[in-house]
Amino acid sequence: MRPRDAAALLLFDRSNRGLRVLMGKRSAAHVFMPSTYVFPGGKRDRQDHALPYCGDLHPSVLEQLSASVPRRLSVAGARALALAAVRELAEETGIRLGKENTGPNLSPLRFVARAITPPGLSRRYDTRFFCGFTDEIDVDIDAISDSDELHDVRWVDTAELSGLNMPTITRTVLEDVTKLMIGDPSLPFESPVRFYFTRHGRFIRDFV
């Protein structure tokens, strides 16, 4: 089964002393990753290519997305993934980036990870993970709400994740991104991008 293109967004709030990330719990009825806490996200739809935006992705981010193998993306395809992540954020958590008539400003978003679901599962995705900070994007952090896709949507302190039921890949991505931020809290756009995939039954943790 060929993995479907998907996108997720790690939205961080660093307005307090700690670092918080927006997460929600998937319904127990979901076939894929039921009853687990995840970042907002989902598969890329055809209409994502046509969604409006008022600011493009950083050139380094576009380059990283477009150059990723084994399946290279066009610039339009790379941008559509970011727009898919932003759309899913609004649909699943109520947080909107930008206005409906102008669309979001994608320029503050970083590309931080890529993960391909291992073969043999009922659903397979080739997911690109984006990252953004609320103080750079200018969003209302209190405007969160549950949805049909995610319940118990909340800001989670990254220092208090031990008791949260998260998929292994979600926890791994979050741990790797926060480790990068220890070295440089600004998380430069040119930061290395993690790539997670399975080869001959073995989990590989590499870089794009």
Protein backbone atom coordinates (compact mmCIF):
# COMPACT_ATOMS: atom_id res chain seq x y z
CA MET A 1 0.00 0.00 0.00
CA ARG A 2 1.47 3.31 -1.09
CA PRO A 3 1.53 5.85 1.77
CA ARG A 4 -0.75 8.84 1.38
CA ASP A 5 0.68 12.34 1.78
CA ALA A 6 -0.24 13.87 5.12
CA ALA A 7 0.80 16.76 7.33
CA ALA A 8 0.79 17.60 11.03
CA LEU A 9 1.53 20.76 12.98
CA LEU A 10 3.37 21.12 16.27
CA LEU A 11 2.11 24.44 17.61
CA PHE A 12 4.16 25.63 20.58
CA ASP A 13 3.25 28.22 23.19
CA ARG A 14 6.28 29.67 24.97
CA SER A 15 4.49 32.63 26.57
CA ASN A 16 4.88 31.12 30.05
CA ARG A 17 8.05 29.88 31.69
CA GLY A 18 7.64 26.39 30.25
CA LEU A 19 7.03 25.15 26.73
CA ARG A 20 3.57 23.87 25.81
CA VAL A 21 2.38 22.06 22.68
CA LEU A 22 -1.18 21.76 21.35
CA MET A 23 -2.52 18.19 21.32
CA GLY A 24 -5.82 16.34 21.28
CA LYS A 25 -7.09 12.81 21.85
CA ARG A 26 -8.26 10.72 18.90
CA SER A 27 -11.59 8.95 19.27
CA ALA A 28 -11.64 5.28 20.28
CA ALA A 29 -13.62 4.66 17.08
CA HIS A 30 -10.68 5.61 14.87
CA VAL A 31 -9.04 2.73 13.00
CA PHE A 32 -5.68 4.52 12.98
CA MET A 33 -4.11 5.37 16.36
CA PRO A 34 -7.33 5.24 18.44
CA SER A 35 -7.51 6.82 21.92
CA THR A 36 -4.09 8.46 21.65
CA TYR A 37 -2.94 12.05 21.97
CA VAL A 38 -1.58 13.48 18.74
CA PHE A 39 -0.77 16.76 17.03
CA PRO A 40 -3.43 18.25 14.76
CA GLY A 41 -3.06 16.88 11.26
CA GLY A 42 -4.36 14.65 8.51
CA LYS A 43 -4.04 13.65 4.87
CA ARG A 44 -3.50 16.21 2.14
CA ASP A 45 -6.63 16.79 0.04
CA ARG A 46 -6.76 17.89 -3.59
CA GLN A 47 -8.29 21.24 -2.69
CA ASP A 48 -5.34 22.12 -0.44
CA HIS A 49 -3.41 23.19 -3.55
CA ALA A 50 -6.00 25.93 -4.15
CA LEU A 51 -6.26 27.29 -0.61
CA PRO A 52 -5.32 30.99 -0.23
CA TYR A 53 -2.25 32.11 1.68
CA CYS A 54 -0.77 35.55 2.33
CA GLY A 55 2.84 34.59 2.93
CA ASP A 56 4.89 31.72 1.52
CA LEU A 57 7.06 29.18 3.28
CA HIS A 58 10.65 30.15 4.09
CA PRO A 59 12.97 29.32 1.14
CA SER A 60 14.91 26.82 3.27
CA VAL A 61 11.70 25.04 4.23
CA LEU A 62 10.56 24.83 0.61
CA GLU A 63 13.95 23.48 -0.38
CA GLN A 64 13.92 20.83 2.36
CA LEU A 65 10.40 19.72 1.46
CA SER A 66 11.01 19.67 -2.29
CA ALA A 67 14.30 17.79 -2.05
CA SER A 68 13.06 14.97 0.19
CA VAL A 69 13.37 11.45 -1.23
CA PRO A 70 12.30 8.84 -2.29
CA ARG A 71 9.38 10.94 -3.57
CA ARG A 72 10.29 14.48 -4.52
CA LEU A 73 7.67 17.19 -4.21
CA SER A 74 6.98 20.15 -6.45
CA VAL A 75 6.99 23.56 -4.78
CA ALA A 76 3.19 23.61 -5.12
CA GLY A 77 2.95 20.16 -3.56
CA ALA A 78 5.19 21.16 -0.67
CA ARG A 79 3.14 24.29 -0.04
CA ALA A 80 -0.09 22.26 -0.18
CA LEU A 81 1.20 20.09 2.66
CA ALA A 82 1.72 23.15 4.86
CA LEU A 83 -1.75 24.40 3.94
CA ALA A 84 -3.17 20.98 4.80
CA ALA A 85 -1.57 21.14 8.24
CA VAL A 86 -3.03 24.62 8.84
CA ARG A 87 -6.47 23.52 7.61
CA GLU A 88 -6.45 20.48 9.88
CA LEU A 89 -5.39 22.67 12.81
CA ALA A 90 -8.49 24.81 12.34
CA GLU A 91 -10.85 21.88 11.76
CA GLU A 92 -9.61 19.83 14.70
CA THR A 93 -8.78 22.43 17.36
CA GLY A 94 -10.49 25.71 16.42
CA ILE A 95 -7.17 27.55 16.10
CA ARG A 96 -7.05 29.53 12.84
CA LEU A 97 -3.95 31.02 11.30
CA GLY A 98 -4.79 34.12 9.32
CA LYS A 99 -8.14 35.28 7.96
CA GLU A 100 -10.46 33.36 5.68
CA ASN A 101 -10.21 35.85 2.81
CA THR A 102 -6.40 36.17 2.84
CA GLY A 103 -5.41 32.78 4.21
CA PRO A 104 -2.52 32.02 6.58
CA ASN A 105 0.99 33.38 6.54
CA LEU A 106 3.11 30.24 6.12
CA SER A 107 6.46 31.98 6.52
CA PRO A 108 6.88 31.28 10.29
CA LEU A 109 6.46 27.51 9.85
CA ARG A 110 9.46 25.18 10.14
CA PHE A 111 9.74 21.71 8.59
CA VAL A 112 10.95 19.51 11.44
CA ALA A 113 10.27 15.84 10.64
CA ARG A 114 9.00 13.28 8.17
CA ALA A 115 7.60 9.86 9.07
CA ILE A 116 6.39 7.03 6.83
CA THR A 117 4.01 4.49 8.37
CA PRO A 118 5.54 0.98 8.29
CA PRO A 119 4.18 -1.57 5.79
CA GLY A 120 1.48 -3.98 6.90
CA LEU A 121 -0.80 -1.53 8.71
CA SER A 122 -4.40 -0.78 7.70
CA ARG A 123 -3.51 2.85 6.87
CA ARG A 124 -0.19 4.23 5.67
CA TYR A 125 0.86 7.87 5.57
CA ASP A 126 3.90 9.84 4.49
CA THR A 127 3.59 12.62 7.05
CA ARG A 128 5.52 15.88 7.09
CA PHE A 129 5.61 17.59 10.47
CA PHE A 130 5.63 21.36 10.63
CA CYS A 131 6.33 23.51 13.68
CA GLY A 132 5.24 27.01 14.67
CA PHE A 133 5.30 29.32 17.69
CA THR A 134 2.20 31.21 18.82
CA ASP A 135 4.14 34.42 19.48
CA GLU A 136 5.35 34.46 15.85
CA ILE A 137 2.01 33.48 14.32
CA ASP A 138 -0.19 35.72 16.50
CA VAL A 139 -3.05 33.40 17.43
CA ASP A 140 -5.49 33.36 20.33
CA ILE A 141 -4.22 30.49 22.49
CA ASP A 142 -7.53 30.35 24.37
CA ALA A 143 -9.60 29.78 21.21
CA ILE A 144 -9.24 26.00 21.31
CA SER A 145 -12.21 23.65 21.05
CA ASP A 146 -12.89 19.94 20.66
CA SER A 147 -14.02 18.50 17.33
CA ASP A 148 -15.24 15.24 15.82
CA GLU A 149 -11.61 14.31 15.16
CA LEU A 150 -9.96 15.35 18.42
CA HIS A 151 -11.26 15.43 21.98
CA ASP A 152 -9.73 16.95 25.10
CA VAL A 153 -7.84 19.49 22.99
CA ARG A 154 -5.37 21.21 25.27
CA TRP A 155 -1.97 22.79 25.73
CA VAL A 156 0.37 20.16 27.15
CA ASP A 157 3.51 21.05 29.09
CA THR A 158 6.39 19.33 27.29
CA ALA A 159 7.97 18.58 30.67
CA GLU A 160 4.91 16.60 31.80
CA LEU A 161 4.33 14.04 29.04
CA SER A 162 5.07 10.81 30.88
CA GLY A 163 1.43 10.00 31.71
CA LEU A 164 0.03 10.84 28.29
CA ASN A 165 -0.95 7.99 25.94
CA MET A 166 0.86 8.95 22.74
CA PRO A 167 1.87 6.93 19.66
CA THR A 168 5.56 6.12 19.69
CA ILE A 169 6.23 8.19 16.59
CA THR A 170 4.42 11.22 18.06
CA ARG A 171 6.49 11.06 21.23
CA THR A 172 9.69 10.54 19.23
CA VAL A 173 9.07 13.54 16.98
CA LEU A 174 8.26 15.76 19.96
CA GLU A 175 11.35 14.63 21.88
CA ASP A 176 13.65 15.24 18.91
CA VAL A 177 12.21 18.69 18.18
CA THR A 178 12.46 19.84 21.79
CA LYS A 179 16.07 18.57 21.93
CA LEU A 180 16.88 20.76 18.93
CA MET A 181 15.37 23.70 20.76
CA ILE A 182 17.69 23.16 23.73
CA GLY A 183 20.61 23.96 21.43
CA ASP A 184 18.84 26.95 19.88
CA PRO A 185 15.36 27.94 21.21
CA SER A 186 14.67 29.92 18.03
CA LEU A 187 14.74 26.67 16.01
CA PRO A 188 16.33 28.08 12.84
CA PHE A 189 14.63 27.31 9.55
CA GLU A 190 17.78 25.54 8.38
CA SER A 191 17.74 23.09 11.33
CA PRO A 192 18.18 19.40 10.43
CA VAL A 193 14.96 17.53 9.65
CA ARG A 194 14.45 14.05 11.10
CA PHE A 195 13.25 11.21 8.85
CA TYR A 196 11.64 8.10 10.34
CA PHE A 197 10.92 4.99 8.29
CA THR A 198 11.16 1.20 8.36
CA ARG A 199 13.57 -0.85 6.27
CA HIS A 200 13.53 -4.66 6.33
CA GLY A 201 11.52 -4.57 9.54
CA ARG A 202 13.96 -2.23 11.30
CA PHE A 203 13.06 1.27 12.48
CA ILE A 204 15.40 3.88 10.96
CA ARG A 205 15.96 7.29 12.52
CA ASP A 206 17.75 9.38 9.93
CA PHE A 207 17.78 12.89 8.49
CA VAL A 208 16.07 14.19 5.35
